[in-house]
């Protein structure tokens, strides 16, 4: 699984000419279907149109670069065209997360996805910077009942039961809450 934050900033390479075409600005999803739609490329300062590469034109997504079919696969879109094709919301980063019993769990910090199958598989949640430092972040897999709203999401019991701790908090690093002698 990949995290969006690991993909953002990667260079995009044309497989036919071997040249860098730009860098990834964002990863685009259809939130309703959880499908990966493509990537948004950084614009030059003077460009008004958004530069998009759809998933079908991405040959590979590695740790160090994204390789695409050819330079002509970049689609330049006005804001109106972009919203029509990809919707107003194409990411859930920043969404508040609630359990189906009404408990607030935090906010989406990152999205985990499977490039090969082109699907959003989970979200990494933050509960504030101090909590992240002390406890680490949790990952909620998008299984069972998961509903996306305008700016929040609701996850069901099955997702909560499968929630995974990142294990990267100071509490775990220094042995939890046990007293030292």
N, C-alpha and C. Protein backbone atom coordinates (compact mmCIF):
# COMPACT_ATOMS: atom_id res chain seq x y z
N UNK A 1 0.84 -1.18 0.00
CA UNK A 1 0.00 0.00 0.00
C UNK A 1 0.88 1.25 0.00
N UNK A 2 0.39 2.26 -0.65
CA UNK A 2 1.09 3.53 -0.73
C UNK A 2 0.30 4.59 0.02
N UNK A 3 1.02 5.61 0.49
CA UNK A 3 0.38 6.77 1.10
C UNK A 3 0.45 7.92 0.10
N UNK A 4 -0.61 8.70 0.03
CA UNK A 4 -0.61 9.86 -0.87
C UNK A 4 0.56 10.79 -0.58
N UNK A 5 0.86 11.02 0.70
CA UNK A 5 1.95 11.93 1.05
C UNK A 5 3.31 11.43 0.58
N UNK A 6 3.45 10.12 0.34
CA UNK A 6 4.70 9.57 -0.19
C UNK A 6 4.79 9.78 -1.70
N UNK A 7 3.64 9.92 -2.36
CA UNK A 7 3.59 10.08 -3.81
C UNK A 7 3.72 11.56 -4.21
N UNK A 8 3.14 12.44 -3.39
CA UNK A 8 3.19 13.87 -3.68
C UNK A 8 4.65 14.33 -3.68
N UNK A 9 5.01 15.01 -4.75
CA UNK A 9 6.39 15.49 -4.92
C UNK A 9 7.25 14.60 -5.79
N UNK A 10 6.80 13.36 -6.07
CA UNK A 10 7.59 12.48 -6.93
C UNK A 10 7.66 13.05 -8.35
N UNK A 11 8.80 12.86 -9.02
CA UNK A 11 8.89 13.29 -10.41
C UNK A 11 8.05 12.38 -11.31
N UNK A 12 7.52 12.96 -12.38
CA UNK A 12 6.75 12.21 -13.37
C UNK A 12 7.62 12.13 -14.62
N UNK A 13 7.91 10.90 -15.07
CA UNK A 13 8.85 10.66 -16.16
C UNK A 13 8.11 10.12 -17.39
N UNK A 14 8.42 10.70 -18.54
CA UNK A 14 7.90 10.25 -19.84
C UNK A 14 8.70 9.01 -20.24
N UNK A 15 8.02 7.87 -20.45
CA UNK A 15 8.71 6.62 -20.75
C UNK A 15 9.32 6.61 -22.15
N UNK A 16 8.81 7.39 -23.07
CA UNK A 16 9.33 7.38 -24.44
C UNK A 16 10.56 8.27 -24.60
N UNK A 17 10.57 9.43 -23.92
CA UNK A 17 11.69 10.35 -24.08
C UNK A 17 12.61 10.39 -22.87
N UNK A 18 12.18 9.80 -21.76
CA UNK A 18 13.00 9.77 -20.56
C UNK A 18 13.18 11.12 -19.88
N UNK A 19 12.26 12.04 -20.11
CA UNK A 19 12.38 13.38 -19.51
C UNK A 19 11.37 13.55 -18.38
N UNK A 20 11.76 14.41 -17.43
CA UNK A 20 10.86 14.75 -16.33
C UNK A 20 9.80 15.72 -16.85
N UNK A 21 8.54 15.40 -16.58
CA UNK A 21 7.42 16.22 -17.05
C UNK A 21 6.88 17.13 -15.95
N UNK A 22 7.32 16.93 -14.75
CA UNK A 22 6.82 17.70 -13.62
C UNK A 22 6.87 16.85 -12.37
N UNK A 23 6.18 17.32 -11.34
CA UNK A 23 6.11 16.59 -10.07
C UNK A 23 4.65 16.47 -9.64
N UNK A 24 4.35 15.43 -8.89
CA UNK A 24 2.98 15.18 -8.44
C UNK A 24 2.58 16.23 -7.41
N UNK A 25 1.44 16.86 -7.64
CA UNK A 25 0.89 17.83 -6.68
C UNK A 25 -0.16 17.16 -5.80
N UNK A 26 -0.93 16.22 -6.38
CA UNK A 26 -1.97 15.53 -5.61
C UNK A 26 -2.36 14.23 -6.31
N UNK A 27 -2.97 13.35 -5.55
CA UNK A 27 -3.50 12.09 -6.07
C UNK A 27 -5.02 12.24 -6.09
N UNK A 28 -5.64 11.90 -7.21
CA UNK A 28 -7.07 12.16 -7.42
C UNK A 28 -7.88 10.87 -7.29
N UNK A 29 -8.96 10.94 -6.50
CA UNK A 29 -9.84 9.80 -6.28
C UNK A 29 -11.28 10.18 -6.59
N UNK A 30 -12.09 9.20 -6.95
CA UNK A 30 -13.54 9.34 -6.95
C UNK A 30 -13.95 8.85 -5.56
N UNK A 31 -14.38 9.77 -4.72
CA UNK A 31 -14.64 9.42 -3.32
C UNK A 31 -15.78 8.42 -3.19
N UNK A 32 -16.80 8.54 -4.01
CA UNK A 32 -17.95 7.62 -3.90
C UNK A 32 -17.56 6.17 -4.18
N UNK A 33 -16.72 5.96 -5.19
CA UNK A 33 -16.33 4.59 -5.56
C UNK A 33 -15.00 4.18 -4.95
N UNK A 34 -14.28 5.17 -4.36
CA UNK A 34 -12.95 4.97 -3.78
C UNK A 34 -11.91 4.60 -4.84
N UNK A 35 -12.18 4.90 -6.09
CA UNK A 35 -11.27 4.55 -7.19
C UNK A 35 -10.24 5.65 -7.42
N UNK A 36 -9.02 5.23 -7.72
CA UNK A 36 -7.96 6.15 -8.11
C UNK A 36 -8.24 6.61 -9.54
N UNK A 37 -8.31 7.92 -9.74
CA UNK A 37 -8.63 8.48 -11.05
C UNK A 37 -7.39 8.97 -11.79
N UNK A 38 -6.39 9.44 -11.06
CA UNK A 38 -5.19 9.96 -11.71
C UNK A 38 -4.37 10.80 -10.75
N UNK A 39 -3.47 11.59 -11.35
CA UNK A 39 -2.62 12.48 -10.55
C UNK A 39 -2.69 13.89 -11.13
N UNK A 40 -2.53 14.84 -10.24
CA UNK A 40 -2.46 16.24 -10.61
C UNK A 40 -0.98 16.63 -10.60
N UNK A 41 -0.54 17.27 -11.67
CA UNK A 41 0.85 17.68 -11.79
C UNK A 41 0.97 19.16 -11.40
N UNK A 42 2.08 19.52 -10.76
CA UNK A 42 2.30 20.92 -10.38
C UNK A 42 2.27 21.81 -11.61
N UNK A 43 1.66 22.97 -11.45
CA UNK A 43 1.57 23.95 -12.52
C UNK A 43 2.75 24.91 -12.42
N UNK A 44 3.16 25.42 -13.58
CA UNK A 44 4.14 26.51 -13.56
C UNK A 44 3.41 27.75 -13.10
N UNK A 45 4.11 28.71 -12.56
CA UNK A 45 3.51 29.91 -11.98
C UNK A 45 2.56 30.65 -12.89
N UNK A 46 2.78 30.63 -14.17
CA UNK A 46 1.95 31.39 -15.10
C UNK A 46 0.80 30.59 -15.70
N UNK A 47 0.75 29.30 -15.47
CA UNK A 47 -0.30 28.47 -16.07
C UNK A 47 -1.60 28.55 -15.27
N UNK A 48 -2.71 28.68 -15.97
CA UNK A 48 -4.01 28.72 -15.32
C UNK A 48 -4.69 27.35 -15.34
N UNK A 49 -4.38 26.53 -16.32
CA UNK A 49 -5.03 25.22 -16.44
C UNK A 49 -4.34 24.18 -15.57
N UNK A 50 -5.15 23.27 -15.05
CA UNK A 50 -4.63 22.18 -14.25
C UNK A 50 -4.10 21.09 -15.19
N UNK A 51 -3.00 20.46 -14.79
CA UNK A 51 -2.39 19.39 -15.59
C UNK A 51 -2.67 18.06 -14.90
N UNK A 52 -3.36 17.18 -15.61
CA UNK A 52 -3.81 15.91 -15.05
C UNK A 52 -3.31 14.75 -15.91
N UNK A 53 -2.90 13.67 -15.24
CA UNK A 53 -2.61 12.42 -15.93
C UNK A 53 -3.54 11.37 -15.35
N UNK A 54 -4.37 10.78 -16.20
CA UNK A 54 -5.32 9.78 -15.73
C UNK A 54 -4.62 8.46 -15.46
N UNK A 55 -5.19 7.66 -14.58
CA UNK A 55 -4.56 6.41 -14.13
C UNK A 55 -4.18 5.50 -15.28
N UNK A 56 -5.01 5.42 -16.32
CA UNK A 56 -4.72 4.52 -17.45
C UNK A 56 -3.41 4.85 -18.15
N UNK A 57 -2.92 6.07 -17.99
CA UNK A 57 -1.67 6.48 -18.63
C UNK A 57 -0.45 6.35 -17.73
N UNK A 58 -0.65 5.87 -16.51
CA UNK A 58 0.46 5.67 -15.58
C UNK A 58 0.93 4.23 -15.71
N UNK A 59 2.18 4.07 -16.15
CA UNK A 59 2.73 2.73 -16.33
C UNK A 59 3.19 2.12 -15.02
N UNK A 60 3.84 2.93 -14.19
CA UNK A 60 4.30 2.42 -12.90
C UNK A 60 4.43 3.56 -11.90
N UNK A 61 4.29 3.18 -10.64
CA UNK A 61 4.44 4.12 -9.54
C UNK A 61 5.43 3.49 -8.58
N UNK A 62 6.64 4.00 -8.58
CA UNK A 62 7.69 3.45 -7.73
C UNK A 62 7.97 4.34 -6.54
N UNK A 63 8.98 3.96 -5.75
CA UNK A 63 9.36 4.75 -4.58
C UNK A 63 9.96 6.09 -4.97
N UNK A 64 10.57 6.14 -6.16
CA UNK A 64 11.33 7.33 -6.53
C UNK A 64 10.75 8.12 -7.69
N UNK A 65 9.81 7.56 -8.43
CA UNK A 65 9.25 8.27 -9.59
C UNK A 65 7.99 7.57 -10.08
N UNK A 66 7.24 8.33 -10.90
CA UNK A 66 6.08 7.79 -11.60
C UNK A 66 6.44 7.81 -13.08
N UNK A 67 6.23 6.69 -13.76
CA UNK A 67 6.52 6.60 -15.19
C UNK A 67 5.19 6.55 -15.94
N UNK A 68 5.06 7.43 -16.93
CA UNK A 68 3.82 7.51 -17.70
C UNK A 68 4.09 7.19 -19.17
N UNK A 69 3.00 6.94 -19.91
CA UNK A 69 3.11 6.49 -21.30
C UNK A 69 3.89 7.44 -22.18
N UNK A 70 3.51 8.71 -22.20
CA UNK A 70 4.20 9.70 -23.03
C UNK A 70 3.76 11.10 -22.63
N UNK A 71 4.48 12.09 -23.11
CA UNK A 71 4.22 13.49 -22.74
C UNK A 71 2.80 13.93 -23.11
N UNK A 72 2.27 13.40 -24.19
CA UNK A 72 0.94 13.84 -24.65
C UNK A 72 -0.20 13.34 -23.76
N UNK A 73 0.10 12.51 -22.76
CA UNK A 73 -0.97 12.02 -21.87
C UNK A 73 -1.41 13.07 -20.86
N UNK A 74 -0.66 14.17 -20.75
CA UNK A 74 -1.06 15.25 -19.85
C UNK A 74 -2.27 15.95 -20.45
N UNK A 75 -3.33 16.05 -19.65
CA UNK A 75 -4.52 16.78 -20.07
C UNK A 75 -4.55 18.10 -19.32
N UNK A 76 -4.65 19.19 -20.06
CA UNK A 76 -4.74 20.51 -19.44
C UNK A 76 -6.20 20.88 -19.36
N UNK A 77 -6.66 21.20 -18.15
CA UNK A 77 -8.08 21.45 -17.91
C UNK A 77 -8.28 22.77 -17.17
N UNK A 78 -9.32 23.48 -17.56
CA UNK A 78 -9.72 24.67 -16.81
C UNK A 78 -10.32 24.18 -15.49
N UNK A 79 -10.51 25.09 -14.53
CA UNK A 79 -11.12 24.71 -13.25
C UNK A 79 -12.48 24.06 -13.47
N UNK A 80 -13.27 24.62 -14.41
CA UNK A 80 -14.60 24.07 -14.70
C UNK A 80 -14.52 22.67 -15.26
N UNK A 81 -13.62 22.43 -16.20
CA UNK A 81 -13.44 21.09 -16.78
C UNK A 81 -12.98 20.11 -15.71
N UNK A 82 -12.06 20.57 -14.86
CA UNK A 82 -11.53 19.71 -13.81
C UNK A 82 -12.63 19.29 -12.85
N UNK A 83 -13.44 20.25 -12.39
CA UNK A 83 -14.53 19.94 -11.47
C UNK A 83 -15.56 19.02 -12.11
N UNK A 84 -15.82 19.22 -13.39
CA UNK A 84 -16.79 18.37 -14.10
C UNK A 84 -16.27 16.93 -14.20
N UNK A 85 -14.99 16.78 -14.47
CA UNK A 85 -14.39 15.45 -14.65
C UNK A 85 -14.10 14.75 -13.32
N UNK A 86 -13.60 15.52 -12.34
CA UNK A 86 -13.15 14.90 -11.09
C UNK A 86 -13.98 15.29 -9.87
N UNK A 87 -14.94 16.18 -10.04
CA UNK A 87 -15.78 16.60 -8.91
C UNK A 87 -15.11 17.69 -8.10
N UNK A 88 -15.89 18.29 -7.21
CA UNK A 88 -15.36 19.35 -6.36
C UNK A 88 -14.42 18.78 -5.31
N UNK A 89 -14.73 17.60 -4.82
CA UNK A 89 -13.91 16.94 -3.81
C UNK A 89 -13.31 15.68 -4.42
N UNK A 90 -11.98 15.58 -4.42
CA UNK A 90 -11.34 14.38 -4.95
C UNK A 90 -10.33 13.82 -3.95
N UNK A 91 -10.44 14.27 -2.71
CA UNK A 91 -9.59 13.76 -1.64
C UNK A 91 -10.37 13.88 -0.33
N UNK A 92 -10.05 13.02 0.60
CA UNK A 92 -10.71 13.07 1.91
C UNK A 92 -9.77 13.58 2.99
N UNK A 93 -8.57 14.03 2.60
CA UNK A 93 -7.65 14.57 3.59
C UNK A 93 -8.30 15.75 4.29
N UNK A 94 -8.24 15.75 5.62
CA UNK A 94 -8.85 16.80 6.42
C UNK A 94 -10.25 16.47 6.89
N UNK A 95 -10.89 15.44 6.33
CA UNK A 95 -12.23 15.04 6.77
C UNK A 95 -12.18 14.65 8.25
N UNK A 96 -13.21 15.02 9.00
CA UNK A 96 -13.37 14.51 10.37
C UNK A 96 -13.92 13.10 10.25
N UNK A 97 -13.49 12.24 11.16
CA UNK A 97 -13.93 10.85 11.17
C UNK A 97 -14.73 10.58 12.43
N UNK A 98 -15.90 9.99 12.24
CA UNK A 98 -16.78 9.61 13.34
C UNK A 98 -17.07 8.12 13.26
N UNK A 99 -17.24 7.50 14.42
CA UNK A 99 -17.72 6.11 14.43
C UNK A 99 -19.22 6.16 14.20
N UNK A 100 -19.80 5.04 13.82
CA UNK A 100 -21.25 5.00 13.61
C UNK A 100 -22.03 5.14 14.92
N UNK A 101 -21.31 5.11 16.05
CA UNK A 101 -21.96 5.36 17.35
C UNK A 101 -21.82 6.83 17.77
N UNK A 102 -21.19 7.65 16.90
CA UNK A 102 -21.14 9.08 17.15
C UNK A 102 -19.88 9.61 17.81
N UNK A 103 -18.88 8.77 18.03
CA UNK A 103 -17.63 9.22 18.64
C UNK A 103 -16.69 9.80 17.58
N UNK A 104 -16.13 10.99 17.86
CA UNK A 104 -15.16 11.57 16.94
C UNK A 104 -13.82 10.87 17.15
N UNK A 105 -13.22 10.40 16.06
CA UNK A 105 -11.97 9.65 16.12
C UNK A 105 -10.76 10.49 15.76
N UNK A 106 -10.97 11.59 15.07
CA UNK A 106 -9.86 12.44 14.62
C UNK A 106 -10.14 12.95 13.23
N UNK A 107 -9.08 13.22 12.48
CA UNK A 107 -9.21 13.72 11.11
C UNK A 107 -8.29 12.93 10.20
N UNK A 108 -8.65 12.85 8.93
CA UNK A 108 -7.83 12.12 7.96
C UNK A 108 -6.56 12.91 7.70
N UNK A 109 -5.43 12.29 7.93
CA UNK A 109 -4.12 12.91 7.67
C UNK A 109 -3.56 12.45 6.33
N UNK A 110 -3.84 11.20 5.97
CA UNK A 110 -3.30 10.65 4.73
C UNK A 110 -4.22 9.55 4.23
N UNK A 111 -4.08 9.21 2.96
CA UNK A 111 -4.89 8.17 2.33
C UNK A 111 -3.96 7.05 1.90
N UNK A 112 -4.34 5.82 2.22
CA UNK A 112 -3.58 4.65 1.78
C UNK A 112 -4.32 4.03 0.61
N UNK A 113 -3.57 3.69 -0.45
CA UNK A 113 -4.22 3.13 -1.62
C UNK A 113 -3.35 2.07 -2.27
N UNK A 114 -4.00 1.23 -3.05
CA UNK A 114 -3.34 0.19 -3.81
C UNK A 114 -3.31 0.66 -5.26
N UNK A 115 -2.12 0.94 -5.78
CA UNK A 115 -2.01 1.45 -7.15
C UNK A 115 -2.44 0.41 -8.17
N UNK A 116 -2.00 -0.83 -7.99
CA UNK A 116 -2.30 -1.88 -8.97
C UNK A 116 -3.81 -2.05 -9.18
N UNK A 117 -4.57 -2.07 -8.10
CA UNK A 117 -6.02 -2.22 -8.20
C UNK A 117 -6.73 -0.87 -8.31
N UNK A 118 -6.00 0.20 -8.06
CA UNK A 118 -6.55 1.54 -8.20
C UNK A 118 -7.66 1.85 -7.21
N UNK A 119 -7.45 1.47 -5.94
CA UNK A 119 -8.51 1.68 -4.95
C UNK A 119 -7.95 2.23 -3.63
N UNK A 120 -8.74 3.10 -3.01
CA UNK A 120 -8.44 3.64 -1.69
C UNK A 120 -8.72 2.53 -0.68
N UNK A 121 -7.72 2.20 0.15
CA UNK A 121 -7.87 1.08 1.05
C UNK A 121 -7.97 1.46 2.52
N UNK A 122 -7.50 2.65 2.87
CA UNK A 122 -7.54 3.04 4.26
C UNK A 122 -7.20 4.51 4.43
N UNK A 123 -7.33 4.99 5.66
CA UNK A 123 -6.97 6.37 5.98
C UNK A 123 -6.13 6.37 7.26
N UNK A 124 -5.14 7.24 7.28
CA UNK A 124 -4.35 7.46 8.48
C UNK A 124 -4.98 8.64 9.20
N UNK A 125 -5.22 8.47 10.50
CA UNK A 125 -5.91 9.53 11.23
C UNK A 125 -4.98 10.22 12.21
N UNK A 126 -5.25 11.51 12.39
CA UNK A 126 -4.53 12.30 13.37
C UNK A 126 -5.52 12.75 14.43
N UNK A 127 -5.04 12.79 15.65
CA UNK A 127 -5.87 13.25 16.76
C UNK A 127 -5.21 14.45 17.42
N UNK A 128 -4.49 15.22 16.61
CA UNK A 128 -3.77 16.39 17.12
C UNK A 128 -2.30 16.09 17.22
N UNK A 129 -1.48 17.12 17.09
CA UNK A 129 -0.03 16.92 17.03
C UNK A 129 0.54 16.28 18.28
N UNK A 130 0.09 16.70 19.46
CA UNK A 130 0.62 16.12 20.69
C UNK A 130 0.26 14.65 20.82
N UNK A 131 -0.98 14.33 20.50
CA UNK A 131 -1.41 12.93 20.57
C UNK A 131 -0.63 12.09 19.56
N UNK A 132 -0.40 12.64 18.36
CA UNK A 132 0.37 11.92 17.33
C UNK A 132 1.79 11.63 17.82
N UNK A 133 2.40 12.61 18.47
CA UNK A 133 3.77 12.44 18.96
C UNK A 133 3.82 11.42 20.08
N UNK A 134 2.87 11.49 21.01
CA UNK A 134 2.88 10.59 22.17
C UNK A 134 2.41 9.18 21.80
N UNK A 135 1.28 9.07 21.13
CA UNK A 135 0.66 7.77 20.85
C UNK A 135 0.98 7.21 19.47
N UNK A 136 1.29 8.10 18.50
CA UNK A 136 1.41 7.67 17.11
C UNK A 136 0.04 7.79 16.45
N UNK A 137 0.01 7.58 15.16
CA UNK A 137 -1.26 7.65 14.42
C UNK A 137 -1.82 6.26 14.21
N UNK A 138 -3.14 6.23 13.96
CA UNK A 138 -3.82 4.98 13.66
C UNK A 138 -4.22 4.96 12.19
N UNK A 139 -4.37 3.76 11.65
CA UNK A 139 -4.84 3.56 10.29
C UNK A 139 -6.16 2.82 10.36
N UNK A 140 -7.16 3.37 9.68
CA UNK A 140 -8.47 2.71 9.62
C UNK A 140 -8.65 2.15 8.22
N UNK A 141 -8.79 0.82 8.10
CA UNK A 141 -9.06 0.24 6.78
C UNK A 141 -10.49 0.57 6.36
N UNK A 142 -10.69 0.78 5.07
CA UNK A 142 -12.03 1.12 4.57
C UNK A 142 -12.77 -0.17 4.20
N UNK A 143 -13.20 -0.88 5.24
CA UNK A 143 -13.96 -2.11 5.04
C UNK A 143 -15.29 -1.98 5.76
N UNK A 144 -16.24 -2.78 5.36
CA UNK A 144 -17.55 -2.73 6.00
C UNK A 144 -18.27 -1.44 5.66
N UNK A 145 -19.01 -0.93 6.62
CA UNK A 145 -19.83 0.26 6.40
C UNK A 145 -18.98 1.52 6.59
N UNK A 146 -18.68 2.21 5.47
CA UNK A 146 -17.94 3.46 5.48
C UNK A 146 -18.71 4.43 4.59
N UNK A 147 -19.08 5.57 5.16
CA UNK A 147 -19.84 6.57 4.40
C UNK A 147 -19.06 7.89 4.36
N UNK A 148 -19.01 8.49 3.18
CA UNK A 148 -18.35 9.78 3.00
C UNK A 148 -19.40 10.86 2.85
N UNK A 149 -19.27 11.91 3.64
CA UNK A 149 -20.15 13.07 3.52
C UNK A 149 -19.41 14.21 2.85
N UNK A 150 -19.92 15.42 3.04
CA UNK A 150 -19.31 16.60 2.42
C UNK A 150 -17.92 16.89 2.98
N UNK A 151 -17.76 16.79 4.28
CA UNK A 151 -16.45 17.04 4.89
C UNK A 151 -16.20 16.15 6.11
N UNK A 152 -16.91 15.05 6.20
CA UNK A 152 -16.67 14.07 7.25
C UNK A 152 -16.98 12.68 6.73
N UNK A 153 -16.52 11.70 7.49
CA UNK A 153 -16.82 10.31 7.14
C UNK A 153 -17.22 9.56 8.39
N UNK A 154 -18.03 8.53 8.17
CA UNK A 154 -18.50 7.69 9.27
C UNK A 154 -18.03 6.28 8.99
N UNK A 155 -17.39 5.67 9.98
CA UNK A 155 -16.90 4.30 9.82
C UNK A 155 -17.65 3.38 10.78
N UNK A 156 -17.89 2.18 10.30
CA UNK A 156 -18.63 1.20 11.08
C UNK A 156 -17.73 0.38 11.99
N UNK A 157 -18.36 -0.50 12.72
CA UNK A 157 -17.70 -1.34 13.72
C UNK A 157 -16.58 -2.19 13.11
N UNK A 158 -16.82 -2.74 11.92
CA UNK A 158 -15.82 -3.61 11.30
C UNK A 158 -14.51 -2.86 11.04
N UNK A 159 -14.60 -1.62 10.54
CA UNK A 159 -13.39 -0.82 10.31
C UNK A 159 -12.68 -0.52 11.63
N UNK A 160 -13.46 -0.20 12.66
CA UNK A 160 -12.86 0.12 13.96
C UNK A 160 -12.16 -1.09 14.58
N UNK A 161 -12.74 -2.26 14.39
CA UNK A 161 -12.14 -3.48 14.93
C UNK A 161 -10.81 -3.80 14.25
N UNK A 162 -10.67 -3.37 13.01
CA UNK A 162 -9.44 -3.64 12.25
C UNK A 162 -8.45 -2.48 12.28
N UNK A 163 -8.75 -1.42 13.07
CA UNK A 163 -7.87 -0.26 13.14
C UNK A 163 -6.48 -0.70 13.60
N UNK A 164 -5.47 -0.13 12.95
CA UNK A 164 -4.08 -0.51 13.19
C UNK A 164 -3.33 0.70 13.73
N UNK A 165 -2.52 0.48 14.75
CA UNK A 165 -1.68 1.55 15.28
C UNK A 165 -0.40 1.61 14.45
N UNK A 166 0.07 2.82 14.18
CA UNK A 166 1.31 2.98 13.41
C UNK A 166 2.52 2.56 14.24
N UNK A 167 2.37 2.58 15.56
CA UNK A 167 3.47 2.18 16.42
C UNK A 167 4.62 3.16 16.46
N UNK A 168 4.37 4.41 16.08
CA UNK A 168 5.47 5.36 15.98
C UNK A 168 5.45 6.45 17.04
N UNK A 169 4.66 6.29 18.08
CA UNK A 169 4.60 7.32 19.12
C UNK A 169 5.71 7.17 20.14
N UNK A 170 5.98 8.25 20.88
CA UNK A 170 7.01 8.22 21.91
C UNK A 170 6.68 7.22 23.01
N UNK A 171 5.39 7.08 23.30
CA UNK A 171 4.96 6.16 24.35
C UNK A 171 5.44 4.73 24.03
N UNK A 172 5.31 4.34 22.79
CA UNK A 172 5.74 2.99 22.41
C UNK A 172 7.26 2.91 22.33
N UNK A 173 7.88 4.00 21.89
CA UNK A 173 9.34 4.04 21.76
C UNK A 173 10.02 3.89 23.11
N UNK A 174 9.45 4.51 24.14
CA UNK A 174 10.06 4.47 25.47
C UNK A 174 9.37 3.49 26.42
N UNK A 175 8.64 2.53 25.89
CA UNK A 175 8.12 1.46 26.72
C UNK A 175 6.77 1.70 27.36
N UNK A 176 5.95 2.54 26.77
CA UNK A 176 4.60 2.72 27.27
C UNK A 176 4.55 3.49 28.58
N UNK A 177 3.55 3.16 29.37
CA UNK A 177 3.34 3.92 30.62
C UNK A 177 3.92 3.21 31.83
N UNK A 178 4.76 2.22 31.58
CA UNK A 178 5.38 1.49 32.70
C UNK A 178 6.34 2.41 33.45
N UNK A 179 6.40 2.23 34.76
CA UNK A 179 7.33 3.03 35.56
C UNK A 179 8.71 2.43 35.47
N UNK A 180 9.70 3.31 35.38
CA UNK A 180 11.09 2.83 35.32
C UNK A 180 11.71 2.91 36.72
N UNK A 181 12.57 1.97 37.02
CA UNK A 181 13.22 1.95 38.33
C UNK A 181 14.65 2.39 38.22
